């Protein structure tokens, strides 16, 4: 009986562990896709804010707060590059209440 249990564990354990590894890889892939999608949506919104308020020459304080929070989330997700330059330009704008 002990031999039977040992053989069963020897067969079942690698199958179970393989399935768990497959599930974890699939979850990571889904998380990565969600993170990338979120980053792209944030970039679109940051560009829209930038274009709107740079054209106006000023930015309301609430919009600046939104922009900063979106930029920080974008940056935490790994985004960078041209949006950092836009961030600097937004910070240089006159702030209106």
Protein backbone atom coordinates (compact mmCIF):
# COMPACT_ATOMS: atom_id res chain seq x y z
CA UNK A 1 0.00 0.00 0.00
CA UNK A 2 2.83 2.41 0.82
CA UNK A 3 4.44 1.62 -2.51
CA UNK A 4 1.18 2.39 -4.32
CA UNK A 5 0.85 5.78 -2.56
CA UNK A 6 4.46 6.62 -3.33
CA UNK A 7 3.97 5.82 -7.03
CA UNK A 8 0.76 7.86 -7.08
CA UNK A 9 2.54 10.86 -5.53
CA UNK A 10 5.43 10.44 -7.93
CA UNK A 11 3.03 10.71 -10.87
CA UNK A 12 0.48 13.18 -9.49
CA UNK A 13 2.84 15.70 -7.90
CA UNK A 14 4.70 16.73 -11.07
CA UNK A 15 1.39 17.01 -12.95
CA UNK A 16 -0.10 19.19 -10.21
CA UNK A 17 3.02 21.37 -10.01
CA UNK A 18 3.11 21.72 -13.79
CA UNK A 19 -0.50 22.86 -13.80
CA UNK A 20 0.20 25.40 -11.05
CA UNK A 21 3.19 26.77 -12.97
CA UNK A 22 1.05 27.03 -16.12
CA UNK A 23 -1.65 28.92 -14.19
CA UNK A 24 0.90 31.33 -12.70
CA UNK A 25 2.43 32.03 -16.12
CA UNK A 26 -1.02 32.66 -17.57
CA UNK A 27 -1.89 35.06 -14.72
CA UNK A 28 1.39 36.92 -15.22
CA UNK A 29 0.69 37.26 -18.93
CA UNK A 30 -2.78 38.65 -18.15
CA UNK A 31 -1.36 41.09 -15.58
CA UNK A 32 1.30 42.24 -18.02
CA UNK A 33 -1.33 42.84 -20.71
CA UNK A 34 -3.53 44.75 -18.27
CA UNK A 35 -0.60 46.86 -17.12
CA UNK A 36 0.40 47.63 -20.68
CA UNK A 37 -3.17 48.55 -21.62
CA UNK A 38 -3.47 50.80 -18.58
CA UNK A 39 -0.17 52.46 -19.44
CA UNK A 40 -1.31 53.14 -23.00
CA UNK A 41 -4.63 54.62 -21.83
CA UNK A 42 -2.80 56.85 -19.38
CA UNK A 43 -0.44 58.02 -22.12
CA UNK A 44 -3.38 58.98 -24.36
CA UNK A 45 -4.99 60.96 -21.54
CA UNK A 46 -1.70 62.64 -20.59
CA UNK A 47 -1.14 63.71 -24.21
CA UNK A 48 -4.69 65.11 -24.39
CA UNK A 49 -4.20 67.09 -21.17
CA UNK A 50 -0.85 68.35 -22.40
CA UNK A 51 -2.13 69.48 -25.78
CA UNK A 52 -5.22 71.17 -24.29
CA UNK A 53 -3.52 73.10 -21.52
CA UNK A 54 -0.31 74.04 -23.33
CA UNK A 55 -2.50 75.56 -26.08
CA UNK A 56 -4.36 77.54 -23.39
CA UNK A 57 -1.14 78.61 -21.70
CA UNK A 58 -2.47 77.79 -18.24
CA UNK A 59 -3.89 74.86 -16.29
CA UNK A 60 -6.51 74.65 -13.54
CA UNK A 61 -5.20 73.30 -10.23
CA UNK A 62 -7.54 70.28 -10.33
CA UNK A 63 -6.30 69.37 -13.82
CA UNK A 64 -2.69 69.70 -12.67
CA UNK A 65 -3.37 67.34 -9.76
CA UNK A 66 -4.98 64.84 -12.15
CA UNK A 67 -2.08 65.14 -14.58
CA UNK A 68 0.50 64.57 -11.83
CA UNK A 69 -1.33 61.52 -10.46
CA UNK A 70 -1.75 60.04 -13.94
CA UNK A 71 1.92 60.72 -14.73
CA UNK A 72 3.05 59.02 -11.51
CA UNK A 73 0.89 55.96 -12.27
CA UNK A 74 2.18 55.95 -15.87
CA UNK A 75 5.76 56.20 -14.66
CA UNK A 76 5.23 53.41 -12.07
CA UNK A 77 3.98 51.15 -14.87
CA UNK A 78 7.25 51.72 -16.73
CA UNK A 79 6.21 54.52 -19.07
CA UNK A 80 8.69 57.27 -19.75
CA UNK A 81 10.15 59.11 -22.70
CA UNK A 82 8.19 61.89 -24.36
CA UNK A 83 5.61 62.07 -21.57
CA UNK A 84 8.34 63.18 -19.14
CA UNK A 85 8.99 66.19 -21.37
CA UNK A 86 5.26 66.90 -21.46
CA UNK A 87 5.19 66.65 -17.67
CA UNK A 88 7.90 69.30 -17.40
CA UNK A 89 6.02 71.57 -19.81
CA UNK A 90 2.80 71.18 -17.79
CA UNK A 91 4.64 72.08 -14.57
CA UNK A 92 5.85 75.30 -16.23
CA UNK A 93 2.30 76.47 -17.01
CA UNK A 94 0.51 79.13 -14.99
CA UNK A 95 -1.80 77.49 -12.45
CA UNK A 96 -5.32 78.92 -12.16
CA UNK A 97 -7.95 78.00 -9.62
